[in-house]
Amino acid sequence: MQLAASLALVLWVLQADTGLSGRIRLSPSSQLQKGHLRRLRARAARRAHDGTYLRLPDGPPRCDNGTLSLAAPDAVEIVVSTWSDNLRWLEQLDVPTTVYVHNRSSTTQTHCYTRSGDCFHHPVAGLKLAAKSEEELNQSNAHRKHKVRFVDVPNYGDEALAYLTYIVENYERLPEAVVFIHGHESAWHAPSSMKHALKNTCFSLAIGYHNLNHGNDARVHDFCLSERGPPPKFQVAAKEEVEGLLRQNWVSVFKPAFNNTFPRRICSDCCAQFVVSRARLQHHPRSFYEQLLQLVRDHKSTLEREWRMIFVPEDASARGNKVYRPL
């Protein structure tokens, strides 16, 4: 590559909360030396290893220093939970993908807000569009290197039913990292294109967990709260919901997962879309996920707020009061 072309690259450092910041722009007319460019790349790579993410324009990221491209078909699998979503955007991700389709014969979603009792509703036309997009995505398998697999599941438990079914059934043959997402390309809690996020993100295997939701609306629902002080009012219900699930199922399910010590701190990420490493997934035995799956089947939880606690159990014993750190 000519030096001028090299200097035309733009390095974007993608923070762990997936917001863009720390931009380094290299002007094509600059007289920067190759050594300076290498130093900039090295600095960005160190940030990637520390939990930030390096993205290069116009193509997949260059991932090194223990990071992994989320578009790497030999190391990553995408797990999708869907009901009323348009799935056409997934056609442009040629990565092993399993789509769990919640039964569309139901006209209402299963998830209801705990406090208000409000449930999601969706017009029948939207469900027909979702079914058509599934059919088109299935047809695209004819020219895909990595096929999309569809699995029908009951319409309860939301994404927890899909995610846990995948983990239990694939526990012994997990890829290096698994992306767990909803069927929509964007939403209020992830306004940027998920397709672009996955194509342009390097994931730190050393950290092993990263929340894929982003934006201000999602960020206000991320928290770490300890017993030392009352949480902000809007987080009271969320904290009580997580603690209630842990206490009600402490002995039978959660006690071994948290080293026999009830969490001193509750940490939660909005809104059940994340990537997690095989090492963190297999930190817990398959039997633990089978127990969680049974909780979902018994309609005791949809695990909307508990995923970070499950995959980053060290958060629960960390000292500090209201310190939230994105991973």
C-alpha atoms as a PDB file:
ATOM      1  CA  MET A   1       0.000   0.000   0.000  1.00  0.00           C
ATOM      2  CA  GLN A   2       1.284   3.447  -0.877  1.00  0.00           C
ATOM      3  CA  LEU A   3       2.184   5.676   2.042  1.00  0.00           C
ATOM      4  CA  ALA A   4      -0.396   8.250   0.936  1.00  0.00           C
ATOM      5  CA  ALA A   5      -3.090   5.611   0.997  1.00  0.00           C
ATOM      6  CA  SER A   6      -1.964   4.458   4.419  1.00  0.00           C
ATOM      7  CA  LEU A   7      -2.135   7.985   5.759  1.00  0.00           C
ATOM      8  CA  ALA A   8      -5.680   8.321   4.448  1.00  0.00           C
ATOM      9  CA  LEU A   9      -6.914   5.776   6.969  1.00  0.00           C
ATOM     10  CA  VAL A  10      -9.122   7.009   9.767  1.00  0.00           C
ATOM     11  CA  LEU A  11      -8.800   5.262  13.100  1.00  0.00           C
ATOM     12  CA  TRP A  12     -11.896   5.227  15.252  1.00  0.00           C
ATOM     13  CA  VAL A  13     -11.620   4.148  18.829  1.00  0.00           C
ATOM     14  CA  LEU A  14     -14.947   2.630  19.806  1.00  0.00           C
ATOM     15  CA  GLN A  15     -15.443   2.935  23.578  1.00  0.00           C
ATOM     16  CA  ALA A  16     -16.766  -0.043  25.536  1.00  0.00           C
ATOM     17  CA  ASP A  17     -20.199   1.619  25.714  1.00  0.00           C
ATOM     18  CA  THR A  18     -20.095   1.613  21.865  1.00  0.00           C
ATOM     19  CA  GLY A  19     -20.225   5.378  21.713  1.00  0.00           C
ATOM     20  CA  LEU A  20     -17.754   6.926  19.290  1.00  0.00           C
ATOM     21  CA  SER A  21     -15.067   9.056  20.854  1.00  0.00           C
ATOM     22  CA  GLY A  22     -11.336   9.562  20.877  1.00  0.00           C
ATOM     23  CA  ARG A  23     -11.250  10.096  17.105  1.00  0.00           C
ATOM     24  CA  ILE A  24      -7.810  10.239  15.451  1.00  0.00           C
ATOM     25  CA  ARG A  25      -7.906  11.654  11.908  1.00  0.00           C
ATOM     26  CA  LEU A  26      -4.890  11.302   9.623  1.00  0.00           C
ATOM     27  CA  SER A  27      -4.964  13.821   6.806  1.00  0.00           C
ATOM     28  CA  PRO A  28      -3.910  12.487   3.390  1.00  0.00           C
ATOM     29  CA  SER A  29      -1.747  15.573   2.973  1.00  0.00           C
ATOM     30  CA  SER A  30       0.082  15.037   6.243  1.00  0.00           C
ATOM     31  CA  GLN A  31       3.782  14.207   6.181  1.00  0.00           C
ATOM     32  CA  LEU A  32       3.533  11.736   9.060  1.00  0.00           C
ATOM     33  CA  GLN A  33       6.219   9.094   9.080  1.00  0.00           C
ATOM     34  CA  LYS A  34       5.413   5.392   8.935  1.00  0.00           C
ATOM     35  CA  GLY A  35       6.715   5.032  12.484  1.00  0.00           C
ATOM     36  CA  HIS A  36       4.201   7.570  13.746  1.00  0.00           C
ATOM     37  CA  LEU A  37       1.401   5.656  12.057  1.00  0.00           C
ATOM     38  CA  ARG A  38       2.594   2.429  13.656  1.00  0.00           C
ATOM     39  CA  ARG A  39       2.622   4.103  17.066  1.00  0.00           C
ATOM     40  CA  LEU A  40      -0.959   5.284  16.567  1.00  0.00           C
ATOM     41  CA  ARG A  41      -2.008   1.754  15.636  1.00  0.00           C
ATOM     42  CA  ALA A  42      -0.197   0.333  18.652  1.00  0.00           C
ATOM     43  CA  ARG A  43      -1.903   2.810  20.978  1.00  0.00           C
ATOM     44  CA  ALA A  44      -5.317   1.923  19.573  1.00  0.00           C
ATOM     45  CA  ALA A  45      -4.521  -1.786  19.904  1.00  0.00           C
ATOM     46  CA  ARG A  46      -3.570  -1.311  23.566  1.00  0.00           C
ATOM     47  CA  ARG A  47      -6.908   0.404  24.142  1.00  0.00           C
ATOM     48  CA  ALA A  48      -8.614  -2.530  22.475  1.00  0.00           C
ATOM     49  CA  HIS A  49      -6.918  -4.905  24.886  1.00  0.00           C
ATOM     50  CA  ASP A  50      -7.994  -2.706  27.792  1.00  0.00           C
ATOM     51  CA  GLY A  51     -11.640  -2.968  26.814  1.00  0.00           C
ATOM     52  CA  THR A  52     -12.064  -0.477  24.013  1.00  0.00           C
ATOM     53  CA  TYR A  53     -12.550  -1.324  20.410  1.00  0.00           C
ATOM     54  CA  LEU A  54     -10.622  -0.448  17.257  1.00  0.00           C
ATOM     55  CA  ARG A  55     -12.459   0.076  13.989  1.00  0.00           C
ATOM     56  CA  LEU A  56     -11.045   0.832  10.556  1.00  0.00           C
ATOM     57  CA  PRO A  57     -13.257   2.368   7.830  1.00  0.00           C
ATOM     58  CA  ASP A  58     -14.422   0.594   4.689  1.00  0.00           C
ATOM     59  CA  GLY A  59     -13.901  -2.959   5.771  1.00  0.00           C
ATOM     60  CA  PRO A  60     -13.667  -5.364   8.680  1.00  0.00           C
ATOM     61  CA  PRO A  61     -11.597  -4.310  11.665  1.00  0.00           C
ATOM     62  CA  ARG A  62      -8.025  -5.336  12.177  1.00  0.00           C
ATOM     63  CA  CYS A  63      -8.223  -7.213  15.421  1.00  0.00           C
ATOM     64  CA  ASP A  64      -5.142  -8.201  17.366  1.00  0.00           C
ATOM     65  CA  ASN A  65      -3.774  -8.125  20.908  1.00  0.00           C
ATOM     66  CA  GLY A  66      -6.266 -10.719  22.069  1.00  0.00           C
ATOM     67  CA  THR A  67      -9.280  -9.144  20.370  1.00  0.00           C
ATOM     68  CA  LEU A  68     -11.651 -10.886  18.023  1.00  0.00           C
ATOM     69  CA  SER A  69     -13.737  -9.549  15.141  1.00  0.00           C
ATOM     70  CA  LEU A  70     -17.430 -10.097  15.734  1.00  0.00           C
ATOM     71  CA  ALA A  71     -17.684 -10.810  12.011  1.00  0.00           C
ATOM     72  CA  ALA A  72     -15.168 -13.666  12.209  1.00  0.00           C
ATOM     73  CA  PRO A  73     -17.080 -16.722  10.948  1.00  0.00           C
ATOM     74  CA  ASP A  74     -14.592 -19.247  12.317  1.00  0.00           C
ATOM     75  CA  ALA A  75     -14.710 -17.915  15.861  1.00  0.00           C
ATOM     76  CA  VAL A  76     -18.102 -16.300  16.422  1.00  0.00           C
ATOM     77  CA  GLU A  77     -21.734 -17.376  16.233  1.00  0.00           C
ATOM     78  CA  ILE A  78     -24.720 -15.038  16.294  1.00  0.00           C
ATOM     79  CA  VAL A  79     -27.785 -16.086  18.291  1.00  0.00           C
ATOM     80  CA  VAL A  80     -30.965 -14.154  17.502  1.00  0.00           C
ATOM     81  CA  SER A  81     -34.235 -14.064  19.424  1.00  0.00           C
ATOM     82  CA  THR A  82     -37.126 -12.848  17.270  1.00  0.00           C
ATOM     83  CA  TRP A  83     -40.875 -12.559  17.148  1.00  0.00           C
ATOM     84  CA  SER A  84     -42.090  -9.568  15.127  1.00  0.00           C
ATOM     85  CA  ASP A  85     -38.795  -8.349  13.628  1.00  0.00           C
ATOM     86  CA  ASN A  86     -37.822  -7.747  10.022  1.00  0.00           C
ATOM     87  CA  LEU A  87     -34.828 -10.086   9.637  1.00  0.00           C
ATOM     88  CA  ARG A  88     -33.621  -9.039   6.186  1.00  0.00           C
ATOM     89  CA  TRP A  89     -30.601  -7.183   7.580  1.00  0.00           C
ATOM     90  CA  LEU A  90     -29.099 -10.475   8.774  1.00  0.00           C
ATOM     91  CA  GLU A  91     -28.571 -11.529   5.153  1.00  0.00           C
ATOM     92  CA  GLN A  92     -25.532  -9.233   5.003  1.00  0.00           C
ATOM     93  CA  LEU A  93     -23.778 -11.018   7.879  1.00  0.00           C
ATOM     94  CA  ASP A  94     -22.229 -14.209   6.553  1.00  0.00           C
ATOM     95  CA  VAL A  95     -21.484 -15.608   9.990  1.00  0.00           C
ATOM     96  CA  PRO A  96     -22.883 -18.805  11.564  1.00  0.00           C
ATOM     97  CA  THR A  97     -26.290 -17.693  12.835  1.00  0.00           C
ATOM     98  CA  THR A  98     -29.060 -19.382  14.775  1.00  0.00           C
ATOM     99  CA  VAL A  99     -32.428 -17.611  14.824  1.00  0.00           C
ATOM    100  CA  TYR A 100     -34.904 -18.630  17.519  1.00  0.00           C
ATOM    101  CA  VAL A 101     -38.398 -17.756  16.283  1.00  0.00           C
ATOM    102  CA  HIS A 102     -41.036 -17.311  18.972  1.00  0.00           C
ATOM    103  CA  ASN A 103     -44.422 -18.671  17.951  1.00  0.00           C
ATOM    104  CA  ARG A 104     -46.127 -15.947  15.885  1.00  0.00           C
ATOM    105  CA  SER A 105     -49.635 -17.383  16.258  1.00  0.00           C
ATOM    106  CA  SER A 106     -49.834 -15.294  19.425  1.00  0.00           C
ATOM    107  CA  THR A 107     -50.818 -11.650  18.835  1.00  0.00           C
ATOM    108  CA  THR A 108     -49.114 -10.262  21.949  1.00  0.00           C
ATOM    109  CA  GLN A 109     -45.535 -10.424  23.092  1.00  0.00           C
ATOM    110  CA  THR A 110     -44.790 -12.199  26.330  1.00  0.00           C
ATOM    111  CA  HIS A 111     -42.766  -9.513  28.056  1.00  0.00           C
ATOM    112  CA  CYS A 112     -44.638  -7.289  30.488  1.00  0.00           C
ATOM    113  CA  TYR A 113     -43.121  -4.567  32.653  1.00  0.00           C
ATOM    114  CA  THR A 114     -43.045  -5.799  36.224  1.00  0.00           C
ATOM    115  CA  ARG A 115     -44.389  -2.661  37.879  1.00  0.00           C
ATOM    116  CA  SER A 116     -46.887  -1.279  35.367  1.00  0.00           C
ATOM    117  CA  GLY A 117     -48.127  -4.541  33.930  1.00  0.00           C
ATOM    118  CA  ASP A 118     -47.965  -3.079  30.411  1.00  0.00           C
ATOM    119  CA  CYS A 119     -47.216  -5.620  27.686  1.00  0.00           C
ATOM    120  CA  PHE A 120     -45.942  -5.202  24.166  1.00  0.00           C
ATOM    121  CA  HIS A 121     -48.521  -5.408  21.409  1.00  0.00           C
ATOM    122  CA  HIS A 122     -47.856  -5.633  17.693  1.00  0.00           C
ATOM    123  CA  PRO A 123     -50.203  -5.398  14.690  1.00  0.00           C
ATOM    124  CA  VAL A 124     -50.798  -8.570  12.712  1.00  0.00           C
ATOM    125  CA  ALA A 125     -49.323  -6.903   9.613  1.00  0.00           C
ATOM    126  CA  GLY A 126     -45.988  -6.643  11.402  1.00  0.00           C
ATOM    127  CA  LEU A 127     -46.012 -10.344  12.149  1.00  0.00           C
ATOM    128  CA  LYS A 128     -46.702 -11.115   8.489  1.00  0.00           C
ATOM    129  CA  LEU A 129     -43.744  -8.960   7.454  1.00  0.00           C
ATOM    130  CA  ALA A 130     -41.567 -10.774   9.985  1.00  0.00           C
ATOM    131  CA  ALA A 131     -42.625 -14.153   8.603  1.00  0.00           C
ATOM    132  CA  LYS A 132     -41.907 -13.008   5.036  1.00  0.00           C
ATOM    133  CA  SER A 133     -38.444 -11.732   6.003  1.00  0.00           C
ATOM    134  CA  GLU A 134     -37.723 -15.090   7.636  1.00  0.00           C
ATOM    135  CA  GLU A 135     -38.673 -16.847   4.406  1.00  0.00           C
ATOM    136  CA  GLU A 136     -36.393 -14.557   2.358  1.00  0.00           C
ATOM    137  CA  LEU A 137     -33.516 -15.018   4.791  1.00  0.00           C
ATOM    138  CA  ASN A 138     -33.967 -18.762   4.587  1.00  0.00           C
ATOM    139  CA  GLN A 139     -33.827 -18.563   0.779  1.00  0.00           C
ATOM    140  CA  SER A 140     -30.546 -16.643   1.011  1.00  0.00           C
ATOM    141  CA  ASN A 141     -28.941 -19.789   2.437  1.00  0.00           C
ATOM    142  CA  ALA A 142     -28.544 -20.946  -1.168  1.00  0.00           C
ATOM    143  CA  HIS A 143     -25.678 -18.480  -1.687  1.00  0.00           C
ATOM    144  CA  ARG A 144     -24.332 -18.192   1.859  1.00  0.00           C
ATOM    145  CA  LYS A 145     -21.177 -19.904   2.987  1.00  0.00           C
ATOM    146  CA  HIS A 146     -22.514 -20.024   6.554  1.00  0.00           C
ATOM    147  CA  LYS A 147     -26.161 -21.008   6.729  1.00  0.00           C
ATOM    148  CA  VAL A 148     -28.787 -19.411   8.929  1.00  0.00           C
ATOM    149  CA  ARG A 149     -30.464 -22.004  11.118  1.00  0.00           C
ATOM    150  CA  PHE A 150     -34.041 -21.443  12.308  1.00  0.00           C
ATOM    151  CA  VAL A 151     -35.433 -22.939  15.503  1.00  0.00           C
ATOM    152  CA  ASP A 152     -39.081 -22.565  16.526  1.00  0.00           C
ATOM    153  CA  VAL A 153     -39.700 -21.958  20.222  1.00  0.00           C
ATOM    154  CA  PRO A 154     -42.793 -21.135  22.313  1.00  0.00           C
ATOM    155  CA  ASN A 155     -43.733 -17.484  22.720  1.00  0.00           C
ATOM    156  CA  TYR A 156     -42.770 -17.005  26.350  1.00  0.00           C
ATOM    157  CA  GLY A 157     -39.609 -16.101  28.185  1.00  0.00           C
ATOM    158  CA  ASP A 158     -38.512 -13.596  25.556  1.00  0.00           C
ATOM    159  CA  GLU A 159     -34.849 -13.686  24.588  1.00  0.00           C
ATOM    160  CA  ALA A 160     -33.975 -15.656  27.750  1.00  0.00           C
ATOM    161  CA  LEU A 161     -35.706 -18.738  26.361  1.00  0.00           C
ATOM    162  CA  ALA A 162     -33.734 -18.444  23.120  1.00  0.00           C
ATOM    163  CA  TYR A 163     -30.358 -17.639  24.690  1.00  0.00           C
ATOM    164  CA  LEU A 164     -30.523 -20.373  27.322  1.00  0.00           C
ATOM    165  CA  THR A 165     -31.795 -22.975  24.865  1.00  0.00           C
ATOM    166  CA  TYR A 166     -28.758 -22.269  22.695  1.00  0.00           C
ATOM    167  CA  ILE A 167     -26.308 -22.462  25.614  1.00  0.00           C
ATOM    168  CA  VAL A 168     -27.719 -25.713  26.976  1.00  0.00           C
ATOM    169  CA  GLU A 169     -27.834 -27.407  23.572  1.00  0.00           C
ATOM    170  CA  ASN A 170     -24.381 -26.223  22.457  1.00  0.00           C
ATOM    171  CA  TYR A 171     -22.457 -26.101  25.732  1.00  0.00           C
ATOM    172  CA  GLU A 172     -19.750 -28.559  24.645  1.00  0.00           C
ATOM    173  CA  ARG A 173     -19.205 -26.992  21.196  1.00  0.00           C
ATOM    174  CA  LEU A 174     -19.338 -23.261  21.826  1.00  0.00           C
ATOM    175  CA  PRO A 175     -17.313 -20.950  19.551  1.00  0.00           C
ATOM    176  CA  GLU A 176     -14.766 -18.532  21.003  1.00  0.00           C
ATOM    177  CA  ALA A 177     -17.475 -15.909  21.419  1.00  0.00           C
ATOM    178  CA  VAL A 178     -21.257 -15.820  21.069  1.00  0.00           C
ATOM    179  CA  VAL A 179     -23.264 -12.733  20.110  1.00  0.00           C
ATOM    180  CA  PHE A 180     -26.740 -12.700  21.673  1.00  0.00           C
ATOM    181  CA  ILE A 181     -29.084 -10.165  20.061  1.00  0.00           C
ATOM    182  CA  HIS A 182     -32.704  -9.373  19.224  1.00  0.00           C
ATOM    183  CA  GLY A 183     -34.067  -9.662  15.700  1.00  0.00           C
ATOM    184  CA  HIS A 184     -34.287  -5.916  15.044  1.00  0.00           C
ATOM    185  CA  GLU A 185     -31.417  -4.086  13.372  1.00  0.00           C
ATOM    186  CA  SER A 186     -31.908  -1.048  15.614  1.00  0.00           C
ATOM    187  CA  ALA A 187     -34.111  -0.012  18.531  1.00  0.00           C
ATOM    188  CA  TRP A 188     -34.405   2.688  21.191  1.00  0.00           C
ATOM    189  CA  HIS A 189     -31.776   0.880  23.254  1.00  0.00           C
ATOM    190  CA  ALA A 190     -29.442   0.346  20.268  1.00  0.00           C
ATOM    191  CA  PRO A 191     -30.177   3.121  17.745  1.00  0.00           C
ATOM    192  CA  SER A 192     -27.173   2.477  15.505  1.00  0.00           C
ATOM    193  CA  SER A 193     -27.219  -0.403  13.032  1.00  0.00           C
ATOM    194  CA  MET A 194     -26.392  -3.681  14.765  1.00  0.00           C
ATOM    195  CA  LYS A 195     -25.153  -4.981  11.425  1.00  0.00           C
ATOM    196  CA  HIS A 196     -22.500  -2.254  11.308  1.00  0.00           C
ATOM    197  CA  ALA A 197     -21.653  -2.669  14.975  1.00  0.00           C
ATOM    198  CA  LEU A 198     -20.929  -6.371  14.521  1.00  0.00           C
ATOM    199  CA  LYS A 199     -18.936  -5.847  11.338  1.00  0.00           C
ATOM    200  CA  ASN A 200     -16.771  -3.138  12.862  1.00  0.00           C
ATOM    201  CA  THR A 201     -16.131  -4.250  16.425  1.00  0.00           C
ATOM    202  CA  CYS A 202     -13.183  -6.035  17.962  1.00  0.00           C
ATOM    203  CA  PHE A 203     -14.057  -7.916  21.130  1.00  0.00           C
ATOM    204  CA  SER A 204     -11.567  -8.377  23.959  1.00  0.00           C
ATOM    205  CA  LEU A 205     -11.423 -12.059  24.878  1.00  0.00           C
ATOM    206  CA  ALA A 206      -9.545 -11.132  28.059  1.00  0.00           C
ATOM    207  CA  ILE A 207     -12.526  -9.115  29.278  1.00  0.00           C
ATOM    208  CA  GLY A 208     -14.973 -11.633  27.891  1.00  0.00           C
ATOM    209  CA  TYR A 209     -18.226  -9.667  28.058  1.00  0.00           C
ATOM    210  CA  HIS A 210     -19.504  -6.584  26.269  1.00  0.00           C
ATOM    211  CA  ASN A 211     -22.912  -4.921  26.285  1.00  0.00           C
ATOM    212  CA  LEU A 212     -24.068  -4.308  22.694  1.00  0.00           C
ATOM    213  CA  ASN A 213     -26.755  -1.796  23.642  1.00  0.00           C
ATOM    214  CA  HIS A 214     -25.768   1.850  23.399  1.00  0.00           C
ATOM    215  CA  GLY A 215     -26.998   5.418  23.318  1.00  0.00           C
ATOM    216  CA  ASN A 216     -28.258   7.703  26.060  1.00  0.00           C
ATOM    217  CA  ASP A 217     -31.648   6.015  26.404  1.00  0.00           C
ATOM    218  CA  ALA A 218     -30.024   2.680  27.143  1.00  0.00           C
ATOM    219  CA  ARG A 219     -27.232   4.103  29.271  1.00  0.00           C
ATOM    220  CA  VAL A 220     -29.562   5.449  31.946  1.00  0.00           C
ATOM    221  CA  HIS A 221     -30.664   1.861  32.612  1.00  0.00           C
ATOM    222  CA  ASP A 222     -27.108   0.628  33.240  1.00  0.00           C
ATOM    223  CA  PHE A 223     -26.115   0.614  36.900  1.00  0.00           C
ATOM    224  CA  CYS A 224     -24.062  -0.872  39.709  1.00  0.00           C
ATOM    225  CA  LEU A 225     -25.623  -0.427  43.145  1.00  0.00           C
ATOM    226  CA  SER A 226     -24.451  -1.640  46.535  1.00  0.00           C
ATOM    227  CA  GLU A 227     -26.165  -1.977  49.888  1.00  0.00           C
ATOM    228  CA  ARG A 228     -24.479   1.162  51.211  1.00  0.00           C
ATOM    229  CA  GLY A 229     -26.960   3.707  50.031  1.00  0.00           C
ATOM    230  CA  PRO A 230     -30.400   4.069  48.463  1.00  0.00           C
ATOM    231  CA  PRO A 231     -30.373   3.865  44.656  1.00  0.00           C
ATOM    232  CA  PRO A 232     -31.828   6.617  42.480  1.00  0.00           C
ATOM    233  CA  LYS A 233     -35.615   6.346  42.407  1.00  0.00           C
ATOM    234  CA  PHE A 234     -35.811   5.115  38.819  1.00  0.00           C
ATOM    235  CA  GLN A 235     -33.442   2.236  39.660  1.00  0.00           C
ATOM    236  CA  VAL A 236     -35.222   1.064  42.816  1.00  0.00           C
ATOM    237  CA  ALA A 237     -37.596  -1.288  40.990  1.00  0.00           C
ATOM    238  CA  ALA A 238     -34.818  -2.757  38.866  1.00  0.00           C
ATOM    239  CA  LYS A 239     -32.572  -3.426  41.863  1.00  0.00           C
ATOM    240  CA  GLU A 240     -35.433  -4.975  43.853  1.00  0.00           C
ATOM    241  CA  GLU A 241     -36.370  -7.190  40.915  1.00  0.00           C
ATOM    242  CA  VAL A 242     -32.839  -8.596  40.579  1.00  0.00           C
ATOM    243  CA  GLU A 243     -32.394  -9.077  44.330  1.00  0.00           C
ATOM    244  CA  GLY A 244     -35.819 -10.700  44.585  1.00  0.00           C
ATOM    245  CA  LEU A 245     -34.984 -13.277  41.903  1.00  0.00           C
ATOM    246  CA  LEU A 246     -31.658 -14.075  43.596  1.00  0.00           C
ATOM    247  CA  ARG A 247     -33.179 -14.442  47.071  1.00  0.00           C
ATOM    248  CA  GLN A 248     -36.121 -16.564  45.941  1.00  0.00           C
ATOM    249  CA  ASN A 249     -33.832 -18.984  44.120  1.00  0.00           C
ATOM    250  CA  TRP A 250     -30.621 -18.556  46.102  1.00  0.00           C
ATOM    251  CA  VAL A 251     -30.112 -22.047  47.471  1.00  0.00           C
ATOM    252  CA  SER A 252     -31.521 -23.966  44.518  1.00  0.00           C
ATOM    253  CA  VAL A 253     -29.871 -21.991  41.683  1.00  0.00           C
ATOM    254  CA  PHE A 254     -27.633 -19.006  42.378  1.00  0.00           C
ATOM    255  CA  LYS A 255     -25.575 -19.759  45.503  1.00  0.00           C
ATOM    256  CA  PRO A 256     -22.795 -21.766  43.770  1.00  0.00           C
ATOM    257  CA  ALA A 257     -22.660 -19.255  40.896  1.00  0.00           C
ATOM    258  CA  PHE A 258     -21.726 -16.479  43.347  1.00  0.00           C
ATOM    259  CA  ASN A 259     -19.263 -18.516  45.412  1.00  0.00           C
ATOM    260  CA  ASN A 260     -21.793 -19.036  48.218  1.00  0.00           C
ATOM    261  CA  THR A 261     -21.887 -15.314  49.039  1.00  0.00           C
ATOM    262  CA  PHE A 262     -24.922 -13.165  48.345  1.00  0.00           C
ATOM    263  CA  PRO A 263     -23.928 -10.218  46.121  1.00  0.00           C
ATOM    264  CA  ARG A 264     -22.931  -7.062  47.906  1.00  0.00           C
ATOM    265  CA  ARG A 265     -23.463  -5.181  44.663  1.00  0.00           C
ATOM    266  CA  ILE A 266     -26.047  -5.458  41.887  1.00  0.00           C
ATOM    267  CA  CYS A 267     -24.885  -4.573  38.369  1.00  0.00           C
ATOM    268  CA  SER A 268     -27.163  -4.513  35.361  1.00  0.00           C
ATOM    269  CA  ASP A 269     -26.845  -3.626  31.689  1.00  0.00           C
ATOM    270  CA  CYS A 270     -29.751  -2.613  29.491  1.00  0.00           C
ATOM    271  CA  CYS A 271     -31.259  -4.435  27.495  1.00  0.00           C
ATOM    272  CA  ALA A 272     -30.281  -8.073  26.963  1.00  0.00           C
ATOM    273  CA  GLN A 273     -27.999  -7.761  23.909  1.00  0.00           C
ATOM    274  CA  PHE A 274     -24.358  -8.682  24.451  1.00  0.00           C
ATOM    275  CA  VAL A 275     -21.365 -10.717  23.356  1.00  0.00           C
ATOM    276  CA  VAL A 276     -19.737 -13.171  25.757  1.00  0.00           C
ATOM    277  CA  SER A 277     -16.679 -15.387  25.487  1.00  0.00           C
ATOM    278  CA  ARG A 278     -16.691 -19.171  25.660  1.00  0.00           C
ATOM    279  CA  ALA A 279     -14.535 -18.943  28.785  1.00  0.00           C
ATOM    280  CA  ARG A 280     -17.134 -16.856  30.617  1.00  0.00           C
ATOM    281  CA  LEU A 281     -19.999 -19.014  29.374  1.00  0.00           C
ATOM    282  CA  GLN A 282     -18.274 -22.155  30.623  1.00  0.00           C
ATOM    283  CA  HIS A 283     -17.387 -20.570  33.954  1.00  0.00           C
ATOM    284  CA  HIS A 284     -20.735 -22.005  35.025  1.00  0.00           C
ATOM    285  CA  PRO A 285     -21.634 -25.676  34.447  1.00  0.00           C
ATOM    286  CA  ARG A 286     -24.324 -26.653  31.970  1.00  0.00           C
ATOM    287  CA  SER A 287     -26.577 -27.611  34.920  1.00  0.00           C
ATOM    288  CA  PHE A 288     -26.678 -23.946  36.010  1.00  0.00           C
ATOM    289  CA  TYR A 289     -28.079 -22.891  32.639  1.00  0.00           C
ATOM    290  CA  GLU A 290     -30.546 -25.757  32.736  1.00  0.00           C
ATOM    291  CA  GLN A 291     -31.801 -24.419  36.067  1.00  0.00           C
ATOM    292  CA  LEU A 292     -32.109 -20.905  34.643  1.00  0.00           C
ATOM    293  CA  LEU A 293     -33.982 -22.280  31.656  1.00  0.00           C
ATOM    294  CA  GLN A 294     -36.415 -23.989  34.001  1.00  0.00           C
ATOM    295  CA  LEU A 295     -37.027 -20.683  35.797  1.00  0.00           C
ATOM    296  CA  VAL A 296     -37.925 -19.168  32.435  1.00  0.00           C
ATOM    297  CA  ARG A 297     -40.179 -22.089  31.499  1.00  0.00           C
ATOM    298  CA  ASP A 298     -41.914 -21.741  34.861  1.00  0.00           C
ATOM    299  CA  HIS A 299     -42.557 -18.049  34.039  1.00  0.00           C
ATOM    300  CA  LYS A 300     -40.553 -16.902  37.067  1.00  0.00           C
ATOM    301  CA  SER A 301     -38.230 -14.609  35.111  1.00  0.00           C
ATOM    302  CA  THR A 302     -37.202 -13.388  31.669  1.00  0.00           C
ATOM    303  CA  LEU A 303     -33.733 -12.433  33.014  1.00  0.00           C
ATOM    304  CA  GLU A 304     -34.055  -8.975  31.497  1.00  0.00           C
ATOM    305  CA  ARG A 305     -31.578  -7.445  33.961  1.00  0.00           C
ATOM    306  CA  GLU A 306     -29.533 -10.402  35.228  1.00  0.00           C
ATOM    307  CA  TRP A 307     -27.199 -11.263  32.333  1.00  0.00           C
ATOM    308  CA  ARG A 308     -24.280  -9.141  33.475  1.00  0.00           C
ATOM    309  CA  MET A 309     -24.507 -10.619  36.964  1.00  0.00           C
ATOM    310  CA  ILE A 310     -24.427 -14.110  35.445  1.00  0.00           C
ATOM    311  CA  PHE A 311     -21.456 -13.574  33.155  1.00  0.00           C
ATOM    312  CA  VAL A 312     -19.469 -11.122  35.312  1.00  0.00           C
ATOM    313  CA  PRO A 313     -20.040 -12.545  38.821  1.00  0.00           C
ATOM    314  CA  GLU A 314     -16.954 -10.766  40.154  1.00  0.00           C
ATOM    315  CA  ASP A 315     -18.963  -7.515  39.930  1.00  0.00           C
ATOM    316  CA  ALA A 316     -21.111  -8.809  42.764  1.00  0.00           C
ATOM    317  CA  SER A 317     -18.230  -8.878  45.240  1.00  0.00           C
ATOM    318  CA  ALA A 318     -16.423  -5.756  44.040  1.00  0.00           C
ATOM    319  CA  ARG A 319     -15.983  -2.931  46.511  1.00  0.00           C
ATOM    320  CA  GLY A 320     -17.363   0.482  45.714  1.00  0.00           C
ATOM    321  CA  ASN A 321     -20.732   2.085  46.052  1.00  0.00           C
ATOM    322  CA  LYS A 322     -22.294   3.396  42.838  1.00  0.00           C
ATOM    323  CA  VAL A 323     -19.421   2.872  40.432  1.00  0.00           C
ATOM    324  CA  TYR A 324     -20.610   1.645  37.046  1.00  0.00           C
ATOM    325  CA  ARG A 325     -17.951   0.496  34.601  1.00  0.00           C
ATOM    326  CA  PRO A 326     -18.947  -0.592  31.098  1.00  0.00           C
ATOM    327  CA  LEU A 327     -17.354  -3.836  29.985  1.00  0.00           C
END
